[in-house]
C-alpha atoms as a PDB file:
ATOM      1  CA  MET A   1     106.639  67.515  86.370  1.00  0.00           C
ATOM      2  CA  GLU A   2     108.947  70.108  87.305  1.00  0.00           C
ATOM      3  CA  SER A   3     109.922  70.616  91.418  1.00  0.00           C
ATOM      4  CA  ILE A   4     108.953  73.008  93.505  1.00  0.00           C
ATOM      5  CA  GLN A   5     111.826  74.013  93.937  1.00  0.00           C
ATOM      6  CA  GLU A   6     112.503  74.236  89.915  1.00  0.00           C
ATOM      7  CA  ILE A   7     109.787  76.074  89.806  1.00  0.00           C
ATOM      8  CA  GLN A   8     110.965  78.734  92.416  1.00  0.00           C
ATOM      9  CA  GLU A   9     113.849  79.308  90.210  1.00  0.00           C
ATOM     10  CA  GLU A  10     111.779  79.731  87.273  1.00  0.00           C
ATOM     11  CA  ILE A  11     109.912  82.785  89.181  1.00  0.00           C
ATOM     12  CA  VAL A  12     113.001  83.910  90.473  1.00  0.00           C
ATOM     13  CA  ASP A  13     114.163  84.300  87.027  1.00  0.00           C
ATOM     14  CA  ASP A  14     111.086  85.802  85.619  1.00  0.00           C
ATOM     15  CA  PHE A  15     111.384  88.451  88.419  1.00  0.00           C
ATOM     16  CA  ALA A  16     115.162  89.038  87.370  1.00  0.00           C
ATOM     17  CA  LEU A  17     114.193  90.681  84.276  1.00  0.00           C
ATOM     18  CA  PHE A  18     112.578  93.133  85.409  1.00  0.00           C
ATOM     19  CA  GLU A  19     114.845  96.018  86.492  1.00  0.00           C
ATOM     20  CA  ASP A  20     112.718  97.900  88.601  1.00  0.00           C
ATOM     21  CA  TRP A  21     109.505  97.506  91.124  1.00  0.00           C
ATOM     22  CA  MET A  22     107.096  99.443  88.597  1.00  0.00           C
ATOM     23  CA  GLY A  23     107.850  96.086  85.905  1.00  0.00           C
ATOM     24  CA  LYS A  24     107.343  93.623  88.378  1.00  0.00           C
ATOM     25  CA  TYR A  25     104.251  94.967  89.832  1.00  0.00           C
ATOM     26  CA  ASN A  26     103.080  94.179  86.282  1.00  0.00           C
ATOM     27  CA  HIS A  27     104.163  91.218  86.098  1.00  0.00           C
ATOM     28  CA  LEU A  28     102.431  90.338  88.800  1.00  0.00           C
ATOM     29  CA  ILE A  29      98.989  91.882  87.623  1.00  0.00           C
ATOM     30  CA  ASP A  30      99.527  89.789  84.629  1.00  0.00           C
ATOM     31  CA  LEU A  31      99.822  87.069  86.609  1.00  0.00           C
ATOM     32  CA  GLY A  32      96.683  87.666  88.766  1.00  0.00           C
ATOM     33  CA  LYS A  33      94.953  88.182  85.128  1.00  0.00           C
ATOM     34  CA  ASP A  34      95.767  84.865  84.156  1.00  0.00           C
ATOM     35  CA  LEU A  35      95.029  82.788  87.476  1.00  0.00           C
ATOM     36  CA  PRO A  36      91.834  81.060  86.161  1.00  0.00           C
ATOM     37  CA  GLU A  37      88.585  81.468  88.006  1.00  0.00           C
ATOM     38  CA  ILE A  38      87.367  80.518  91.392  1.00  0.00           C
ATOM     39  CA  ASP A  39      83.814  79.290  91.196  1.00  0.00           C
ATOM     40  CA  ASP A  40      81.689  81.813  92.863  1.00  0.00           C
ATOM     41  CA  ALA A  41      80.448  78.746  95.056  1.00  0.00           C
ATOM     42  CA  TYR A  42      83.994  78.733  97.046  1.00  0.00           C
ATOM     43  CA  LYS A  43      83.770  82.829  96.991  1.00  0.00           C
ATOM     44  CA  THR A  44      82.313  82.471 100.721  1.00  0.00           C
ATOM     45  CA  ASP A  45      83.678  83.705 104.107  1.00  0.00           C
ATOM     46  CA  ASP A  46      84.620  80.594 104.520  1.00  0.00           C
ATOM     47  CA  HIS A  47      86.924  80.625 101.986  1.00  0.00           C
ATOM     48  CA  LEU A  48      88.226  84.022 102.751  1.00  0.00           C
ATOM     49  CA  ILE A  49      92.328  84.542 104.381  1.00  0.00           C
ATOM     50  CA  LYS A  50      92.520  85.735 107.736  1.00  0.00           C
ATOM     51  CA  GLY A  51      95.061  88.553 108.239  1.00  0.00           C
ATOM     52  CA  CYS A  52      94.974  90.098 104.111  1.00  0.00           C
ATOM     53  CA  GLN A  53      93.729  93.927 103.541  1.00  0.00           C
ATOM     54  CA  SER A  54      92.283  92.500 100.452  1.00  0.00           C
ATOM     55  CA  ARG A  55      89.285  90.212 100.068  1.00  0.00           C
ATOM     56  CA  VAL A  56      91.251  87.035  98.838  1.00  0.00           C
ATOM     57  CA  TRP A  57      89.863  83.409  98.612  1.00  0.00           C
ATOM     58  CA  LEU A  58      91.545  80.339  98.246  1.00  0.00           C
ATOM     59  CA  HIS A  59      89.661  76.679  97.967  1.00  0.00           C
ATOM     60  CA  ALA A  60      91.757  73.479  97.770  1.00  0.00           C
ATOM     61  CA  ASP A  61      90.648  69.878  96.784  1.00  0.00           C
ATOM     62  CA  MET A  62      92.118  66.770  97.118  1.00  0.00           C
ATOM     63  CA  LYS A  63      92.172  64.936  93.811  1.00  0.00           C
ATOM     64  CA  GLY A  64      94.012  61.475  94.180  1.00  0.00           C
ATOM     65  CA  GLU A  65      97.275  62.305  96.173  1.00  0.00           C
ATOM     66  CA  LYS A  66      97.313  65.804  94.705  1.00  0.00           C
ATOM     67  CA  ILE A  67      96.153  69.015  96.267  1.00  0.00           C
ATOM     68  CA  HIS A  68      94.258  71.444  93.231  1.00  0.00           C
ATOM     69  CA  PHE A  69      94.303  75.087  93.987  1.00  0.00           C
ATOM     70  CA  SER A  70      91.683  77.933  93.643  1.00  0.00           C
ATOM     71  CA  ALA A  71      91.794  81.377  94.339  1.00  0.00           C
ATOM     72  CA  ASP A  72      90.260  84.954  93.444  1.00  0.00           C
ATOM     73  CA  SER A  73      90.953  88.706  95.060  1.00  0.00           C
ATOM     74  CA  ASP A  74      88.683  91.872  94.587  1.00  0.00           C
ATOM     75  CA  ALA A  75      92.627  93.502  94.393  1.00  0.00           C
ATOM     76  CA  ILE A  76      94.819  92.945  91.213  1.00  0.00           C
ATOM     77  CA  ILE A  77      98.018  93.030  92.767  1.00  0.00           C
ATOM     78  CA  THR A  78      96.659  90.575  95.600  1.00  0.00           C
ATOM     79  CA  LYS A  79      94.867  88.162  92.621  1.00  0.00           C
ATOM     80  CA  GLY A  80      98.558  88.042  91.453  1.00  0.00           C
ATOM     81  CA  ILE A  81     100.486  87.473  95.120  1.00  0.00           C
ATOM     82  CA  ILE A  82      98.000  84.130  95.206  1.00  0.00           C
ATOM     83  CA  SER A  83      98.637  83.046  91.786  1.00  0.00           C
ATOM     84  CA  LEU A  84     102.357  83.467  92.252  1.00  0.00           C
ATOM     85  CA  LEU A  85     102.074  80.919  95.354  1.00  0.00           C
ATOM     86  CA  ILE A  86      99.533  78.858  93.779  1.00  0.00           C
ATOM     87  CA  ARG A  87     102.422  77.920  90.550  1.00  0.00           C
ATOM     88  CA  PRO A  88     104.708  75.730  92.767  1.00  0.00           C
ATOM     89  CA  LEU A  89     102.107  73.919  95.250  1.00  0.00           C
ATOM     90  CA  ASN A  90      99.724  73.412  92.715  1.00  0.00           C
ATOM     91  CA  HIS A  91      98.997  69.690  91.777  1.00  0.00           C
ATOM     92  CA  ARG A  92     101.480  68.460  94.505  1.00  0.00           C
ATOM     93  CA  SER A  93     100.856  65.487  97.261  1.00  0.00           C
ATOM     94  CA  PRO A  94     100.193  67.752 101.066  1.00  0.00           C
ATOM     95  CA  ASP A  95     103.525  66.729 101.956  1.00  0.00           C
ATOM     96  CA  GLU A  96     105.550  68.298  99.524  1.00  0.00           C
ATOM     97  CA  ILE A  97     103.062  71.669 100.033  1.00  0.00           C
ATOM     98  CA  LEU A  98     104.159  71.170 103.761  1.00  0.00           C
ATOM     99  CA  ASN A  99     108.039  70.934 103.033  1.00  0.00           C
ATOM    100  CA  ALA A 100     108.193  73.408 100.304  1.00  0.00           C
ATOM    101  CA  ASP A 101     110.218  76.567 101.794  1.00  0.00           C
ATOM    102  CA  MET A 102     108.693  78.845  99.434  1.00  0.00           C
ATOM    103  CA  GLY A 103     112.293  80.717  99.593  1.00  0.00           C
ATOM    104  CA  PHE A 104     111.561  82.581  96.061  1.00  0.00           C
ATOM    105  CA  VAL A 105     109.336  84.908  97.907  1.00  0.00           C
ATOM    106  CA  ASP A 106     112.355  86.458 100.040  1.00  0.00           C
ATOM    107  CA  GLU A 107     114.802  86.195  96.893  1.00  0.00           C
ATOM    108  CA  ILE A 108     112.508  87.899  94.355  1.00  0.00           C
ATOM    109  CA  GLY A 109     112.234  90.574  97.367  1.00  0.00           C
ATOM    110  CA  LEU A 110     108.333  90.697  96.915  1.00  0.00           C
ATOM    111  CA  LYS A 111     107.695  91.337 100.806  1.00  0.00           C
ATOM    112  CA  GLU A 112     109.650  94.084 101.262  1.00  0.00           C
ATOM    113  CA  HIS A 113     108.302  95.899  98.145  1.00  0.00           C
ATOM    114  CA  LEU A 114     104.707  95.028  99.628  1.00  0.00           C
ATOM    115  CA  SER A 115     102.848  97.440 102.530  1.00  0.00           C
ATOM    116  CA  PRO A 116     103.226  96.203 106.128  1.00  0.00           C
ATOM    117  CA  THR A 117      99.266  94.663 105.435  1.00  0.00           C
ATOM    118  CA  ARG A 118     100.402  93.537 102.216  1.00  0.00           C
ATOM    119  CA  ALA A 119     102.922  91.306 103.382  1.00  0.00           C
ATOM    120  CA  ASN A 120     100.936  90.302 106.414  1.00  0.00           C
ATOM    121  CA  GLY A 121      98.441  88.715 103.632  1.00  0.00           C
ATOM    122  CA  LEU A 122     101.178  87.179 101.747  1.00  0.00           C
ATOM    123  CA  VAL A 123     101.967  85.103 104.864  1.00  0.00           C
ATOM    124  CA  SER A 124      98.905  84.686 105.677  1.00  0.00           C
ATOM    125  CA  MET A 125      97.784  82.976 102.286  1.00  0.00           C
ATOM    126  CA  ILE A 126     101.072  80.694 102.799  1.00  0.00           C
ATOM    127  CA  LYS A 127     100.077  79.831 105.801  1.00  0.00           C
ATOM    128  CA  GLN A 128      96.583  78.858 104.593  1.00  0.00           C
ATOM    129  CA  MET A 129      98.299  76.793 102.031  1.00  0.00           C
ATOM    130  CA  LYS A 130      99.648  74.536 104.074  1.00  0.00           C
ATOM    131  CA  THR A 131      96.686  74.141 106.836  1.00  0.00           C
ATOM    132  CA  TYR A 132      94.858  72.695 103.364  1.00  0.00           C
ATOM    133  CA  ALA A 133      97.981  70.914 102.902  1.00  0.00           C
ATOM    134  CA  LEU A 134      98.056  69.639 106.760  1.00  0.00           C
ATOM    135  CA  ALA A 135      94.479  69.004 106.910  1.00  0.00           C
ATOM    136  CA  PHE A 136      94.405  66.499 103.832  1.00  0.00           C
ATOM    137  CA  LYS A 137      97.373  65.258 105.305  1.00  0.00           C
ATOM    138  CA  ALA A 138      95.534  64.103 108.604  1.00  0.00           C
ATOM    139  CA  LYS A 139      92.301  62.979 106.423  1.00  0.00           C
ATOM    140  CA  SER A 140      94.601  60.581 104.552  1.00  0.00           C
ATOM    141  CA  LEU A 141      95.917  58.832 107.861  1.00  0.00           C
END
């Protein structure tokens, strides 16, 4: 399995293929379309990420030593963003997730090309994924 860093480098390379942000937004939309469906049982207020302009549901499940994420959003760009964040962190241990720097977000210029509310939502998504990791780590101690 590739490391979190290797996947982040792949994402940076993928985004470098696009000359402008219209192409990058279209890529995000495509990523959102490929996001595996979250079970409707998790489309509840308990799974909504606070601080997002759009509705974003995130669920995490511990299987063995690894955390598995599923998500959905009512906004196609946001669905692409959460898909992008899940890619390097899915099927990882809590420690791997907690130690991930997620530097690719800045490297591809995502935050600066989102509206302030979407950029805040992006930070909230990362924070929620790390919160799940922390909770699973605490449970296993």
